[in-house]
């Protein structure tokens, strides 16, 4: 159902499905990049003992947080604007 009370058409369903797939894929990519940027150096290089413990623990914490934020923010950004209650008017007080 749409905000206007009608059924959603195939075009709207496809658009929403593409938006959700984009949100999911971009969230996975962003989380992988953050995990690699934070935890990667500690896994690849010999770091001092004080710096070696934090990045491998911070990467798995930051990646899911970024994934969730990205997965929620993309659909929220592309949500259609509400229509005015009466055609041709810009606000209910007009």
PDB file of N, CA and C in Angstrom:
ATOM      1  N   UNK A   1       0.843  -1.176   0.000  1.00  0.00           N
ATOM      2  CA  UNK A   1       0.000   0.000   0.000  1.00  0.00           C
ATOM      3  C   UNK A   1       0.894   1.245   0.000  1.00  0.00           C
ATOM      4  N   UNK A   2       0.483   2.253  -0.725  1.00  0.00           N
ATOM      5  CA  UNK A   2       1.236   3.497  -0.779  1.00  0.00           C
ATOM      6  C   UNK A   2       0.675   4.463   0.242  1.00  0.00           C
ATOM      7  N   UNK A   3       1.326   5.607   0.387  1.00  0.00           N
ATOM      8  CA  UNK A   3       0.842   6.619   1.321  1.00  0.00           C
ATOM      9  C   UNK A   3      -0.480   7.207   0.859  1.00  0.00           C
ATOM     10  N   UNK A   4      -0.805   7.026  -0.421  1.00  0.00           N
ATOM     11  CA  UNK A   4      -2.072   7.549  -0.943  1.00  0.00           C
ATOM     12  C   UNK A   4      -3.189   6.518  -0.837  1.00  0.00           C
ATOM     13  N   UNK A   5      -2.919   5.355  -0.314  1.00  0.00           N
ATOM     14  CA  UNK A   5      -3.939   4.349  -0.110  1.00  0.00           C
ATOM     15  C   UNK A   5      -4.067   3.345  -1.230  1.00  0.00           C
ATOM     16  N   UNK A   6      -3.370   3.529  -2.334  1.00  0.00           N
ATOM     17  CA  UNK A   6      -3.460   2.603  -3.458  1.00  0.00           C
ATOM     18  C   UNK A   6      -2.431   1.501  -3.354  1.00  0.00           C
ATOM     19  N   UNK A   7      -2.541   0.541  -4.248  1.00  0.00           N
ATOM     20  CA  UNK A   7      -1.563  -0.546  -4.279  1.00  0.00           C
ATOM     21  C   UNK A   7      -0.299  -0.081  -4.989  1.00  0.00           C
ATOM     22  N   UNK A   8       0.813  -0.641  -4.580  1.00  0.00           N
ATOM     23  CA  UNK A   8       2.078  -0.289  -5.215  1.00  0.00           C
ATOM     24  C   UNK A   8       2.212  -1.017  -6.535  1.00  0.00           C
ATOM     25  N   UNK A   9       2.674  -0.304  -7.534  1.00  0.00           N
ATOM     26  CA  UNK A   9       2.859  -0.895  -8.843  1.00  0.00           C
ATOM     27  C   UNK A   9       4.174  -1.645  -8.932  1.00  0.00           C
ATOM     28  N   UNK A  10       4.337  -2.370 -10.031  1.00  0.00           N
ATOM     29  CA  UNK A  10       5.558  -3.133 -10.254  1.00  0.00           C
ATOM     30  C   UNK A  10       6.783  -2.232 -10.307  1.00  0.00           C
ATOM     31  N   UNK A  11       6.644  -1.058 -10.904  1.00  0.00           N
ATOM     32  CA  UNK A  11       7.784  -0.143 -11.003  1.00  0.00           C
ATOM     33  C   UNK A  11       8.237   0.306  -9.616  1.00  0.00           C
ATOM     34  N   UNK A  12       7.293   0.591  -8.738  1.00  0.00           N
ATOM     35  CA  UNK A  12       7.661   1.001  -7.381  1.00  0.00           C
ATOM     36  C   UNK A  12       8.297  -0.149  -6.617  1.00  0.00           C
ATOM     37  N   UNK A  13       7.774  -1.347  -6.791  1.00  0.00           N
ATOM     38  CA  UNK A  13       8.358  -2.504  -6.115  1.00  0.00           C
ATOM     39  C   UNK A  13       9.780  -2.766  -6.593  1.00  0.00           C
ATOM     40  N   UNK A  14      10.005  -2.676  -7.912  1.00  0.00           N
ATOM     41  CA  UNK A  14      11.361  -2.862  -8.448  1.00  0.00           C
ATOM     42  C   UNK A  14      12.302  -1.777  -7.943  1.00  0.00           C
ATOM     43  N   UNK A  15      11.820  -0.538  -7.901  1.00  0.00           N
ATOM     44  CA  UNK A  15      12.646   0.567  -7.416  1.00  0.00           C
ATOM     45  C   UNK A  15      13.049   0.338  -5.957  1.00  0.00           C
ATOM     46  N   UNK A  16      12.097  -0.080  -5.142  1.00  0.00           N
ATOM     47  CA  UNK A  16      12.395  -0.323  -3.738  1.00  0.00           C
ATOM     48  C   UNK A  16      13.346  -1.505  -3.573  1.00  0.00           C
ATOM     49  N   UNK A  17      13.181  -2.522  -4.392  1.00  0.00           N
ATOM     50  CA  UNK A  17      14.065  -3.682  -4.329  1.00  0.00           C
ATOM     51  C   UNK A  17      15.491  -3.302  -4.728  1.00  0.00           C
ATOM     52  N   UNK A  18      15.621  -2.513  -5.789  1.00  0.00           N
ATOM     53  CA  UNK A  18      16.957  -2.048  -6.198  1.00  0.00           C
ATOM     54  C   UNK A  18      17.592  -1.191  -5.115  1.00  0.00           C
ATOM     55  N   UNK A  19      16.797  -0.320  -4.481  1.00  0.00           N
ATOM     56  CA  UNK A  19      17.322   0.530  -3.410  1.00  0.00           C
ATOM     57  C   UNK A  19      17.807  -0.320  -2.246  1.00  0.00           C
ATOM     58  N   UNK A  20      17.053  -1.351  -1.896  1.00  0.00           N
ATOM     59  CA  UNK A  20      17.448  -2.202  -0.779  1.00  0.00           C
ATOM     60  C   UNK A  20      18.701  -3.019  -1.111  1.00  0.00           C
ATOM     61  N   UNK A  21      18.793  -3.512  -2.364  1.00  0.00           N
ATOM     62  CA  UNK A  21      20.008  -4.230  -2.765  1.00  0.00           C
ATOM     63  C   UNK A  21      21.214  -3.304  -2.761  1.00  0.00           C
ATOM     64  N   UNK A  22      21.030  -2.076  -3.233  1.00  0.00           N
ATOM     65  CA  UNK A  22      22.131  -1.103  -3.210  1.00  0.00           C
ATOM     66  C   UNK A  22      22.571  -0.834  -1.777  1.00  0.00           C
ATOM     67  N   UNK A  23      21.613  -0.656  -0.877  1.00  0.00           N
ATOM     68  CA  UNK A  23      21.949  -0.396   0.526  1.00  0.00           C
ATOM     69  C   UNK A  23      22.730  -1.559   1.116  1.00  0.00           C
ATOM     70  N   UNK A  24      22.296  -2.778   0.839  1.00  0.00           N
ATOM     71  CA  UNK A  24      22.970  -3.946   1.377  1.00  0.00           C
ATOM     72  C   UNK A  24      24.380  -4.097   0.816  1.00  0.00           C
ATOM     73  N   UNK A  25      24.503  -3.988  -0.500  1.00  0.00           N
ATOM     74  CA  UNK A  25      25.830  -4.139  -1.124  1.00  0.00           C
ATOM     75  C   UNK A  25      26.796  -3.042  -0.712  1.00  0.00           C
ATOM     76  N   UNK A  26      26.314  -1.807  -0.667  1.00  0.00           N
ATOM     77  CA  UNK A  26      27.212  -0.720  -0.270  1.00  0.00           C
ATOM     78  C   UNK A  26      27.581  -0.824   1.204  1.00  0.00           C
ATOM     79  N   UNK A  27      26.677  -1.341   2.037  1.00  0.00           N
ATOM     80  CA  UNK A  27      26.994  -1.524   3.450  1.00  0.00           C
ATOM     81  C   UNK A  27      28.044  -2.616   3.634  1.00  0.00           C
ATOM     82  N   UNK A  28      27.926  -3.705   2.883  1.00  0.00           N
ATOM     83  CA  UNK A  28      28.929  -4.775   2.959  1.00  0.00           C
ATOM     84  C   UNK A  28      30.288  -4.256   2.496  1.00  0.00           C
ATOM     85  N   UNK A  29      30.308  -3.522   1.399  1.00  0.00           N
ATOM     86  CA  UNK A  29      31.569  -2.982   0.883  1.00  0.00           C
ATOM     87  C   UNK A  29      32.201  -2.006   1.881  1.00  0.00           C
ATOM     88  N   UNK A  30      31.400  -1.087   2.423  1.00  0.00           N
ATOM     89  CA  UNK A  30      31.938  -0.107   3.378  1.00  0.00           C
ATOM     90  C   UNK A  30      32.455  -0.799   4.633  1.00  0.00           C
ATOM     91  N   UNK A  31      31.740  -1.806   5.128  1.00  0.00           N
ATOM     92  CA  UNK A  31      32.199  -2.524   6.320  1.00  0.00           C
ATOM     93  C   UNK A  31      33.502  -3.273   6.040  1.00  0.00           C
ATOM     94  N   UNK A  32      33.619  -3.871   4.858  1.00  0.00           N
ATOM     95  CA  UNK A  32      34.851  -4.582   4.513  1.00  0.00           C
ATOM     96  C   UNK A  32      36.034  -3.620   4.402  1.00  0.00           C
ATOM     97  N   UNK A  33      35.796  -2.449   3.822  1.00  0.00           N
ATOM     98  CA  UNK A  33      36.871  -1.453   3.698  1.00  0.00           C
ATOM     99  C   UNK A  33      37.313  -0.966   5.076  1.00  0.00           C
ATOM    100  N   UNK A  34      36.364  -0.690   5.951  1.00  0.00           N
ATOM    101  CA  UNK A  34      36.721  -0.224   7.293  1.00  0.00           C
ATOM    102  C   UNK A  34      37.444  -1.319   8.061  1.00  0.00           C
ATOM    103  N   UNK A  35      36.954  -2.539   7.967  1.00  0.00           N
ATOM    104  CA  UNK A  35      37.636  -3.641   8.654  1.00  0.00           C
ATOM    105  C   UNK A  35      39.070  -3.782   8.144  1.00  0.00           C
ATOM    106  N   UNK A  36      39.240  -3.737   6.826  1.00  0.00           N
ATOM    107  CA  UNK A  36      40.587  -3.859   6.266  1.00  0.00           C
ATOM    108  C   UNK A  36      41.496  -2.701   6.635  1.00  0.00           C
ATOM    109  N   UNK A  37      40.935  -1.495   6.675  1.00  0.00           N
ATOM    110  CA  UNK A  37      41.743  -0.328   7.013  1.00  0.00           C
ATOM    111  C   UNK A  37      42.138  -0.310   8.481  1.00  0.00           C
ATOM    112  N   UNK A  38      41.257  -0.802   9.341  1.00  0.00           N
ATOM    113  CA  UNK A  38      41.549  -0.757  10.779  1.00  0.00           C
ATOM    114  C   UNK A  38      42.357  -1.976  11.206  1.00  0.00           C
ATOM    115  N   UNK A  39      41.904  -3.157  10.857  1.00  0.00           N
ATOM    116  CA  UNK A  39      42.558  -4.374  11.338  1.00  0.00           C
ATOM    117  C   UNK A  39      43.668  -4.855  10.408  1.00  0.00           C
ATOM    118  N   UNK A  40      43.657  -4.444   9.152  1.00  0.00           N
ATOM    119  CA  UNK A  40      44.635  -4.927   8.189  1.00  0.00           C
ATOM    120  C   UNK A  40      46.088  -4.685   8.541  1.00  0.00           C
ATOM    121  N   UNK A  41      46.448  -3.462   8.906  1.00  0.00           N
ATOM    122  CA  UNK A  41      47.863  -3.235   9.229  1.00  0.00           C
ATOM    123  C   UNK A  41      48.389  -4.104  10.371  1.00  0.00           C
ATOM    124  N   UNK A  42      47.560  -4.355  11.364  1.00  0.00           N
ATOM    125  CA  UNK A  42      48.010  -5.190  12.480  1.00  0.00           C
ATOM    126  C   UNK A  42      48.164  -6.646  12.052  1.00  0.00           C
ATOM    127  N   UNK A  43      47.373  -7.053  11.070  1.00  0.00           N
ATOM    128  CA  UNK A  43      47.484  -8.438  10.607  1.00  0.00           C
ATOM    129  C   UNK A  43      48.627  -8.630   9.616  1.00  0.00           C
ATOM    130  N   UNK A  44      48.994  -7.571   8.898  1.00  0.00           N
ATOM    131  CA  UNK A  44      50.029  -7.681   7.878  1.00  0.00           C
ATOM    132  C   UNK A  44      51.433  -7.347   8.374  1.00  0.00           C
ATOM    133  N   UNK A  45      51.522  -6.406   9.303  1.00  0.00           N
ATOM    134  CA  UNK A  45      52.832  -5.913   9.728  1.00  0.00           C
ATOM    135  C   UNK A  45      53.080  -6.238  11.191  1.00  0.00           C
ATOM    136  N   UNK A  46      54.352  -6.253  11.548  1.00  0.00           N
ATOM    137  CA  UNK A  46      54.722  -6.407  12.954  1.00  0.00           C
ATOM    138  C   UNK A  46      54.684  -5.046  13.615  1.00  0.00           C
ATOM    139  N   UNK A  47      53.685  -4.852  14.447  1.00  0.00           N
ATOM    140  CA  UNK A  47      53.525  -3.586  15.156  1.00  0.00           C
ATOM    141  C   UNK A  47      54.011  -3.748  16.588  1.00  0.00           C
ATOM    142  N   UNK A  48      54.303  -2.635  17.270  1.00  0.00           N
ATOM    143  CA  UNK A  48      54.655  -2.736  18.686  1.00  0.00           C
ATOM    144  C   UNK A  48      53.513  -3.391  19.470  1.00  0.00           C
ATOM    145  N   UNK A  49      53.858  -3.980  20.595  1.00  0.00           N
ATOM    146  CA  UNK A  49      52.864  -4.708  21.389  1.00  0.00           C
ATOM    147  C   UNK A  49      51.673  -3.848  21.778  1.00  0.00           C
ATOM    148  N   UNK A  50      51.899  -2.577  22.064  1.00  0.00           N
ATOM    149  CA  UNK A  50      50.780  -1.714  22.477  1.00  0.00           C
ATOM    150  C   UNK A  50      49.819  -1.448  21.323  1.00  0.00           C
ATOM    151  N   UNK A  51      50.322  -1.362  20.111  1.00  0.00           N
ATOM    152  CA  UNK A  51      49.472  -1.066  18.953  1.00  0.00           C
ATOM    153  C   UNK A  51      48.957  -2.315  18.266  1.00  0.00           C
ATOM    154  N   UNK A  52      49.484  -3.473  18.623  1.00  0.00           N
ATOM    155  CA  UNK A  52      49.091  -4.689  17.926  1.00  0.00           C
ATOM    156  C   UNK A  52      47.749  -5.247  18.399  1.00  0.00           C
ATOM    157  N   UNK A  53      47.373  -4.996  19.625  1.00  0.00           N
ATOM    158  CA  UNK A  53      46.151  -5.587  20.160  1.00  0.00           C
ATOM    159  C   UNK A  53      44.874  -4.848  19.817  1.00  0.00           C
ATOM    160  N   UNK A  54      44.928  -3.531  19.695  1.00  0.00           N
ATOM    161  CA  UNK A  54      43.705  -2.750  19.505  1.00  0.00           C
ATOM    162  C   UNK A  54      43.079  -2.873  18.113  1.00  0.00           C
ATOM    163  N   UNK A  55      43.808  -2.717  17.018  1.00  0.00           N
ATOM    164  CA  UNK A  55      43.155  -2.771  15.690  1.00  0.00           C
ATOM    165  C   UNK A  55      42.415  -4.076  15.389  1.00  0.00           C
ATOM    166  N   UNK A  56      42.966  -5.254  15.709  1.00  0.00           N
ATOM    167  CA  UNK A  56      42.187  -6.465  15.417  1.00  0.00           C
ATOM    168  C   UNK A  56      40.893  -6.560  16.227  1.00  0.00           C
ATOM    169  N   UNK A  57      40.839  -5.898  17.373  1.00  0.00           N
ATOM    170  CA  UNK A  57      39.598  -5.883  18.158  1.00  0.00           C
ATOM    171  C   UNK A  57      38.663  -4.774  17.710  1.00  0.00           C
ATOM    172  N   UNK A  58      39.215  -3.668  17.226  1.00  0.00           N
ATOM    173  CA  UNK A  58      38.379  -2.535  16.812  1.00  0.00           C
ATOM    174  C   UNK A  58      37.736  -2.785  15.454  1.00  0.00           C
ATOM    175  N   UNK A  59      38.405  -3.487  14.565  1.00  0.00           N
ATOM    176  CA  UNK A  59      37.849  -3.760  13.239  1.00  0.00           C
ATOM    177  C   UNK A  59      36.532  -4.512  13.280  1.00  0.00           C
ATOM    178  N   UNK A  60      36.464  -5.635  14.002  1.00  0.00           N
ATOM    179  CA  UNK A  60      35.191  -6.359  14.070  1.00  0.00           C
ATOM    180  C   UNK A  60      34.087  -5.610  14.819  1.00  0.00           C
ATOM    181  N   UNK A  61      34.445  -4.598  15.585  1.00  0.00           N
ATOM    182  CA  UNK A  61      33.425  -3.794  16.268  1.00  0.00           C
ATOM    183  C   UNK A  61      32.930  -2.679  15.349  1.00  0.00           C
ATOM    184  N   UNK A  62      33.843  -2.015  14.661  1.00  0.00           N
ATOM    185  CA  UNK A  62      33.457  -0.894  13.807  1.00  0.00           C
ATOM    186  C   UNK A  62      32.745  -1.334  12.530  1.00  0.00           C
ATOM    187  N   UNK A  63      33.124  -2.462  11.967  1.00  0.00           N
ATOM    188  CA  UNK A  63      32.529  -2.909  10.704  1.00  0.00           C
ATOM    189  C   UNK A  63      31.015  -3.145  10.818  1.00  0.00           C
ATOM    190  N   UNK A  64      30.518  -3.864  11.825  1.00  0.00           N
ATOM    191  CA  UNK A  64      29.059  -4.038  11.914  1.00  0.00           C
ATOM    192  C   UNK A  64      28.314  -2.740  12.225  1.00  0.00           C
ATOM    193  N   UNK A  65      28.953  -1.850  12.977  1.00  0.00           N
ATOM    194  CA  UNK A  65      28.317  -0.562  13.271  1.00  0.00           C
ATOM    195  C   UNK A  65      28.159   0.236  11.982  1.00  0.00           C
ATOM    196  N   UNK A  66      29.199   0.276  11.181  1.00  0.00           N
ATOM    197  CA  UNK A  66      29.119   0.977   9.907  1.00  0.00           C
ATOM    198  C   UNK A  66      28.123   0.293   8.967  1.00  0.00           C
ATOM    199  N   UNK A  67      28.112  -1.040   8.967  1.00  0.00           N
ATOM    200  CA  UNK A  67      27.159  -1.771   8.135  1.00  0.00           C
ATOM    201  C   UNK A  67      25.726  -1.383   8.493  1.00  0.00           C
ATOM    202  N   UNK A  68      25.401  -1.387   9.770  1.00  0.00           N
ATOM    203  CA  UNK A  68      24.040  -1.049  10.199  1.00  0.00           C
ATOM    204  C   UNK A  68      23.687   0.391   9.865  1.00  0.00           C
ATOM    205  N   UNK A  69      24.627   1.301  10.095  1.00  0.00           N
ATOM    206  CA  UNK A  69      24.357   2.711   9.803  1.00  0.00           C
ATOM    207  C   UNK A  69      24.114   2.924   8.313  1.00  0.00           C
ATOM    208  N   UNK A  70      24.905   2.287   7.491  1.00  0.00           N
ATOM    209  CA  UNK A  70      24.752   2.440   6.039  1.00  0.00           C
ATOM    210  C   UNK A  70      23.467   1.773   5.543  1.00  0.00           C
ATOM    211  N   UNK A  71      23.160   0.604   6.081  1.00  0.00           N
ATOM    212  CA  UNK A  71      21.981  -0.130   5.644  1.00  0.00           C
ATOM    213  C   UNK A  71      20.689   0.602   6.026  1.00  0.00           C
ATOM    214  N   UNK A  72      20.723   1.387   7.082  1.00  0.00           N
ATOM    215  CA  UNK A  72      19.543   2.150   7.501  1.00  0.00           C
ATOM    216  C   UNK A  72      19.487   3.507   6.809  1.00  0.00           C
ATOM    217  N   UNK A  73      20.639   4.137   6.604  1.00  0.00           N
ATOM    218  CA  UNK A  73      20.639   5.502   6.078  1.00  0.00           C
ATOM    219  C   UNK A  73      20.287   5.576   4.595  1.00  0.00           C
ATOM    220  N   UNK A  74      20.629   4.567   3.816  1.00  0.00           N
ATOM    221  CA  UNK A  74      20.334   4.627   2.377  1.00  0.00           C
ATOM    222  C   UNK A  74      18.832   4.630   2.112  1.00  0.00           C
ATOM    223  N   UNK A  75      18.046   3.685   2.650  1.00  0.00           N
ATOM    224  CA  UNK A  75      16.595   3.754   2.394  1.00  0.00           C
ATOM    225  C   UNK A  75      15.957   5.016   2.977  1.00  0.00           C
ATOM    226  N   UNK A  76      16.465   5.495   4.089  1.00  0.00           N
ATOM    227  CA  UNK A  76      15.897   6.710   4.681  1.00  0.00           C
ATOM    228  C   UNK A  76      16.155   7.919   3.786  1.00  0.00           C
ATOM    229  N   UNK A  77      17.279   7.936   3.121  1.00  0.00           N
ATOM    230  CA  UNK A  77      17.618   9.060   2.258  1.00  0.00           C
ATOM    231  C   UNK A  77      16.768   9.077   0.996  1.00  0.00           C
ATOM    232  N   UNK A  78      16.374   7.910   0.501  1.00  0.00           N
ATOM    233  CA  UNK A  78      15.618   7.829  -0.737  1.00  0.00           C
ATOM    234  C   UNK A  78      14.118   7.639  -0.525  1.00  0.00           C
ATOM    235  N   UNK A  79      13.645   7.898   0.659  1.00  0.00           N
ATOM    236  CA  UNK A  79      12.213   7.776   0.937  1.00  0.00           C
ATOM    237  C   UNK A  79      11.468   8.874   0.185  1.00  0.00           C
ATOM    238  N   UNK A  80      10.362   8.541  -0.482  1.00  0.00           N
ATOM    239  CA  UNK A  80       9.639   9.573  -1.227  1.00  0.00           C
ATOM    240  C   UNK A  80       9.017  10.604  -0.287  1.00  0.00           C
ATOM    241  N   UNK A  81       8.965  11.832  -0.765  1.00  0.00           N
ATOM    242  CA  UNK A  81       8.392  12.912   0.036  1.00  0.00           C
ATOM    243  C   UNK A  81       6.879  12.744   0.114  1.00  0.00           C
ATOM    244  N   UNK A  82       6.308  13.203   1.209  1.00  0.00           N
ATOM    245  CA  UNK A  82       4.854  13.152   1.362  1.00  0.00           C
ATOM    246  C   UNK A  82       4.202  14.113   0.385  1.00  0.00           C
ATOM    247  N   UNK A  83       3.066  13.697  -0.117  1.00  0.00           N
ATOM    248  CA  UNK A  83       2.314  14.517  -1.048  1.00  0.00           C
ATOM    249  C   UNK A  83       1.431  15.486  -0.254  1.00  0.00           C
ATOM    250  N   UNK A  84       1.172  16.672  -0.799  1.00  0.00           N
ATOM    251  CA  UNK A  84       0.245  17.569  -0.119  1.00  0.00           C
ATOM    252  C   UNK A  84      -1.145  16.947  -0.057  1.00  0.00           C
ATOM    253  N   UNK A  85      -1.920  17.343   0.950  1.00  0.00           N
ATOM    254  CA  UNK A  85      -3.234  16.734   1.139  1.00  0.00           C
ATOM    255  C   UNK A  85      -4.201  17.097   0.016  1.00  0.00           C
ATOM    256  N   UNK A  86      -4.017  18.264  -0.594  1.00  0.00           N
ATOM    257  CA  UNK A  86      -4.878  18.676  -1.694  1.00  0.00           C
ATOM    258  C   UNK A  86      -3.988  19.004  -2.887  1.00  0.00           C
ATOM    259  N   UNK A  87      -4.337  18.498  -4.061  1.00  0.00           N
ATOM    260  CA  UNK A  87      -3.499  18.774  -5.235  1.00  0.00           C
ATOM    261  C   UNK A  87      -3.381  20.268  -5.505  1.00  0.00           C
ATOM    262  N   UNK A  88      -2.176  20.704  -5.823  1.00  0.00           N
ATOM    263  CA  UNK A  88      -1.946  22.104  -6.150  1.00  0.00           C
ATOM    264  C   UNK A  88      -1.631  22.973  -4.957  1.00  0.00           C
ATOM    265  N   UNK A  89      -1.717  22.433  -3.771  1.00  0.00           N
ATOM    266  CA  UNK A  89      -1.415  23.222  -2.576  1.00  0.00           C
ATOM    267  C   UNK A  89      -0.112  22.713  -1.970  1.00  0.00           C
ATOM    268  N   UNK A  90       0.644  23.617  -1.386  1.00  0.00           N
ATOM    269  CA  UNK A  90       1.951  23.240  -0.861  1.00  0.00           C
ATOM    270  C   UNK A  90       1.915  22.942   0.619  1.00  0.00           C
ATOM    271  N   UNK A  91       0.923  23.410   1.351  1.00  0.00           N
ATOM    272  CA  UNK A  91       0.830  23.113   2.767  1.00  0.00           C
ATOM    273  C   UNK A  91      -0.632  23.024   3.167  1.00  0.00           C
ATOM    274  N   UNK A  92      -0.921  22.343   4.272  1.00  0.00           N
ATOM    275  CA  UNK A  92      -2.326  22.205   4.674  1.00  0.00           C
ATOM    276  C   UNK A  92      -2.983  23.532   5.041  1.00  0.00           C
ATOM    277  N   UNK A  93      -2.199  24.575   5.385  1.00  0.00           N
ATOM    278  CA  UNK A  93      -2.768  25.855   5.787  1.00  0.00           C
ATOM    279  C   UNK A  93      -3.050  26.776   4.618  1.00  0.00           C
ATOM    280  N   UNK A  94      -2.710  26.358   3.401  1.00  0.00           N
ATOM    281  CA  UNK A  94      -2.910  27.218   2.235  1.00  0.00           C
ATOM    282  C   UNK A  94      -4.375  27.455   1.966  1.00  0.00           C
TER     283      UNK A  94
END
